[in-house]
Every structure is written in structure tokens, then in C-alpha cells.
Amino acid sequence: MEYYGTYSSPFGLLTINFDDKGVSQLQWSSTTAIECDNTCTDNKHFTQAIAWLDYYFGKTNEKVELPQLNLDKYTAFHTKVWRVLLEKTKEGMSLSYSDLAQLIGSPHAARAVGTAMKRNPLPLFIPCHRVLPKRGGFGSYSGGHGASTKKQLLEHEARVVKQRKQLE
């Protein structure tokens, strides 16, 4: 059974879907925040997602591991692209669609990589906002307010990385 709860971020309200296998979807929501019952507060995947988002948005500087992600519903290709993106990028980094295609071992698959980014069910957790067109600009983004949100997320990450380095 799938459940959901909300998280109020600096970039808008986020809805987090989860089940016993992990977090399965994160999306910007236009609805109002819901008060989550014990289903949320007792679920380790949801509480881990909230803790990670607090870290990501700079509410805490104590590093938190990514929650368990449930990608069972998606193609092997998309899952591979998302996993490589997670492994190869860190906050404040970016790469091009063609760079990511190279990293997955499919150098001519930049458009397919773009499709995988567009279909990413877990933006922020799987940081598709870090993938940019090689020709410049920000390209598109399916979350928040599109490319402007993508730009703001990259700027946010750069600020948070800088602040955390100053604390070291």
C-alpha cells in the first residue's frame, strides 16, 4: 500500500509518496500541507526522507543518508541513468546530458538520458536538476516552476556547500 505526506520546502510544498519498500515519488504540490498521521511518523522511509530534505535545504549541517528509494516501477535504462547520476554527482556539481550518457556507457544516448531526467519520479533525491544542456543554459525541469526552479536549486546547492565548507 502506498502512503503520502508533505514537506514544506523553500521552493514550495512537496508531496512524498512511500511504501514498505521506500520512497517512490517526490513532487511539487499545489495543495495545502496535510497533517500526517502515524503512517508517516512511524515509517522509517518517510522519516528518513524528511531528515534528508532538512539536510539538503540547510536546516541542519549533520549529514544524513538518502532514504531508501523504490524504483521498481521503472525501466532498467532509467534506473541505471538515475543510479549513475546519484553516484557521480555531489551537491554543487553539474554535468551535461551527453556527459551522463558517457558515464552510463551509452555515448550516443544523450536524448534518452534527457527523457530519463524528464521522467524522474524523485527530483531532489535523484538530482536531475544537476544535468544541463551542453550548449549552455538550464534546459527544462519538470519540478516547481520549471527551469527557474532548476537554476534556483543549483544556486541553493552552491550556497549550502560554501556554508558547510566554512564550518569545517
Protein backbone atom coordinates (compact mmCIF):
# COMPACT_ATOMS: atom_id res chain seq x y z
CA MET A 1 0.00 0.00 0.00
CA GLU A 2 1.26 3.48 -0.85
CA TYR A 3 1.08 6.43 1.53
CA TYR A 4 1.98 10.07 1.28
CA GLY A 5 2.94 13.03 3.38
CA THR A 6 4.05 16.58 2.67
CA TYR A 7 7.15 18.64 3.30
CA SER A 8 7.30 22.44 3.21
CA SER A 9 10.47 23.42 1.36
CA PRO A 10 11.90 26.83 0.46
CA PHE A 11 10.88 26.01 -3.13
CA GLY A 12 7.28 25.05 -2.39
CA LEU A 13 5.26 22.26 -0.89
CA LEU A 14 6.50 18.75 -1.72
CA THR A 15 4.44 15.56 -1.62
CA ILE A 16 6.37 12.41 -0.71
CA ASN A 17 4.90 9.05 -1.69
CA PHE A 18 6.25 5.97 0.09
CA ASP A 19 5.51 2.34 0.81
CA ASP A 20 7.20 -0.51 2.66
CA LYS A 21 9.98 -0.67 0.02
CA GLY A 22 10.95 3.01 0.19
CA VAL A 23 10.20 6.46 -1.17
CA SER A 24 8.61 6.11 -4.61
CA GLN A 25 7.78 9.67 -5.65
CA LEU A 26 8.50 13.28 -4.78
CA GLN A 27 6.57 16.02 -6.50
CA TRP A 28 5.78 19.68 -6.12
CA SER A 29 2.27 20.08 -4.84
CA SER A 30 -0.23 22.86 -5.29
CA THR A 31 -2.39 21.64 -2.42
CA THR A 32 -2.06 22.67 1.19
CA ALA A 33 0.08 20.70 3.62
CA ILE A 34 -1.58 17.67 5.12
CA GLU A 35 -1.23 16.66 8.72
CA CYS A 36 0.36 13.26 8.56
CA ASP A 37 -0.89 10.55 10.88
CA ASN A 38 1.12 7.71 12.43
CA THR A 39 1.54 6.18 8.98
CA CYS A 40 4.13 8.87 8.29
CA THR A 41 5.73 9.31 11.67
CA ASP A 42 6.10 5.55 12.15
CA ASN A 43 7.52 4.87 8.68
CA LYS A 44 11.32 4.81 8.53
CA HIS A 45 11.37 5.72 4.81
CA PHE A 46 9.26 8.82 5.33
CA THR A 47 11.14 9.99 8.43
CA GLN A 48 14.46 9.42 6.63
CA ALA A 49 13.17 11.42 3.63
CA ILE A 50 12.23 14.32 5.92
CA ALA A 51 15.61 14.21 7.66
CA TRP A 52 17.43 14.16 4.31
CA LEU A 53 15.37 17.08 2.98
CA ASP A 54 16.14 19.06 6.15
CA TYR A 55 19.85 18.43 5.49
CA TYR A 56 19.55 19.23 1.77
CA PHE A 57 17.80 22.53 2.45
CA GLY A 58 20.36 23.51 5.09
CA LYS A 59 18.13 23.21 8.16
CA THR A 60 20.85 21.02 9.68
CA ASN A 61 24.51 20.50 8.88
CA GLU A 62 24.61 16.94 10.17
CA LYS A 63 24.97 14.71 7.09
CA VAL A 64 22.00 12.42 6.55
CA GLU A 65 21.90 9.40 4.26
CA LEU A 66 19.50 9.33 1.34
CA PRO A 67 16.29 7.44 2.14
CA GLN A 68 15.65 4.05 0.55
CA LEU A 69 14.25 4.69 -2.94
CA ASN A 70 11.70 2.36 -4.52
CA LEU A 71 12.34 2.33 -8.28
CA ASP A 72 10.60 -0.99 -9.00
CA LYS A 73 8.11 0.51 -11.47
CA TYR A 74 10.71 1.96 -13.85
CA THR A 75 12.74 0.65 -16.77
CA ALA A 76 16.21 -0.79 -16.34
CA PHE A 77 17.63 2.01 -18.52
CA HIS A 78 16.05 4.81 -16.49
CA THR A 79 17.07 3.18 -13.22
CA LYS A 80 20.66 2.86 -14.48
CA VAL A 81 20.78 6.52 -15.52
CA TRP A 82 19.41 7.65 -12.15
CA ARG A 83 21.79 5.44 -10.16
CA VAL A 84 24.84 6.67 -12.09
CA LEU A 85 23.71 10.27 -11.59
CA LEU A 86 23.46 9.63 -7.84
CA GLU A 87 26.92 8.02 -7.75
CA LYS A 88 28.74 10.57 -9.87
CA THR A 89 27.41 13.93 -8.68
CA LYS A 90 27.50 15.75 -5.41
CA GLU A 91 25.85 18.95 -4.22
CA GLY A 92 27.06 21.93 -6.21
CA MET A 93 28.13 19.85 -9.22
CA SER A 94 26.59 19.71 -12.66
CA LEU A 95 27.17 17.79 -15.87
CA SER A 96 25.70 17.66 -19.35
CA TYR A 97 23.24 15.14 -20.74
CA SER A 98 26.00 13.86 -23.05
CA ASP A 99 28.43 13.58 -20.11
CA LEU A 100 25.91 11.43 -18.28
CA ALA A 101 25.35 9.34 -21.42
CA GLN A 102 29.13 8.71 -21.49
CA LEU A 103 29.12 7.72 -17.82
CA ILE A 104 26.41 5.10 -18.35
CA GLY A 105 28.37 3.64 -21.28
CA SER A 106 25.98 4.88 -23.99
CA PRO A 107 27.75 7.90 -25.52
CA HIS A 108 25.07 8.48 -28.17
CA ALA A 109 22.15 8.36 -25.75
CA ALA A 110 22.03 12.00 -24.60
CA ARG A 111 18.39 12.35 -25.69
CA ALA A 112 17.43 9.13 -23.90
CA VAL A 113 19.20 10.46 -20.80
CA GLY A 114 17.11 13.63 -21.15
CA THR A 115 13.98 11.50 -21.24
CA ALA A 116 15.10 9.70 -18.09
CA MET A 117 15.60 13.07 -16.38
CA LYS A 118 12.12 14.19 -17.50
CA ARG A 119 10.57 11.01 -16.07
CA ASN A 120 12.49 11.14 -12.80
CA PRO A 121 9.91 10.38 -10.09
CA LEU A 122 12.20 11.57 -7.30
CA PRO A 123 13.64 15.01 -8.08
CA LEU A 124 15.99 16.27 -5.37
CA PHE A 125 16.60 12.68 -4.16
CA ILE A 126 17.76 11.85 -7.70
CA PRO A 127 19.27 15.23 -8.60
CA CYS A 128 18.18 15.65 -12.23
CA HIS A 129 18.46 19.42 -11.78
CA ARG A 130 22.25 18.93 -11.97
CA VAL A 131 22.05 17.80 -15.60
CA LEU A 132 22.34 20.68 -18.05
CA PRO A 133 22.46 21.12 -21.83
CA LYS A 134 25.99 21.12 -23.22
CA ARG A 135 25.21 24.23 -25.30
CA GLY A 136 24.53 26.23 -22.12
CA GLY A 137 21.51 27.40 -20.23
CA PHE A 138 19.42 25.31 -17.88
CA GLY A 139 17.19 23.36 -20.23
CA SER A 140 13.85 22.29 -18.85
CA TYR A 141 12.84 20.96 -15.47
CA SER A 142 9.67 19.14 -14.51
CA GLY A 143 9.56 20.34 -10.90
CA GLY A 144 8.40 23.55 -9.31
CA HIS A 145 8.37 26.39 -11.82
CA GLY A 146 10.47 24.66 -14.47
CA ALA A 147 13.90 25.95 -15.48
CA SER A 148 13.78 28.80 -12.94
CA THR A 149 13.45 26.23 -10.14
CA LYS A 150 16.34 24.25 -11.62
CA LYS A 151 18.51 27.38 -11.58
CA GLN A 152 17.46 28.21 -8.02
CA LEU A 153 18.24 24.67 -6.83
CA LEU A 154 21.75 24.86 -8.31
CA GLU A 155 22.30 28.27 -6.70
CA HIS A 156 20.96 26.92 -3.39
CA GLU A 157 23.35 23.96 -3.52
CA ALA A 158 26.32 26.23 -4.23
CA ARG A 159 25.42 28.39 -1.20
CA VAL A 160 24.94 25.41 1.12
CA VAL A 161 28.19 23.76 0.01
CA LYS A 162 30.07 27.02 0.60
CA GLN A 163 28.49 27.47 4.06
CA ARG A 164 29.32 23.91 5.07
CA LYS A 165 32.93 24.25 3.94
CA GLN A 166 33.27 27.37 6.09
CA LEU A 167 32.09 25.35 9.11
CA GLU A 168 34.76 22.66 8.60
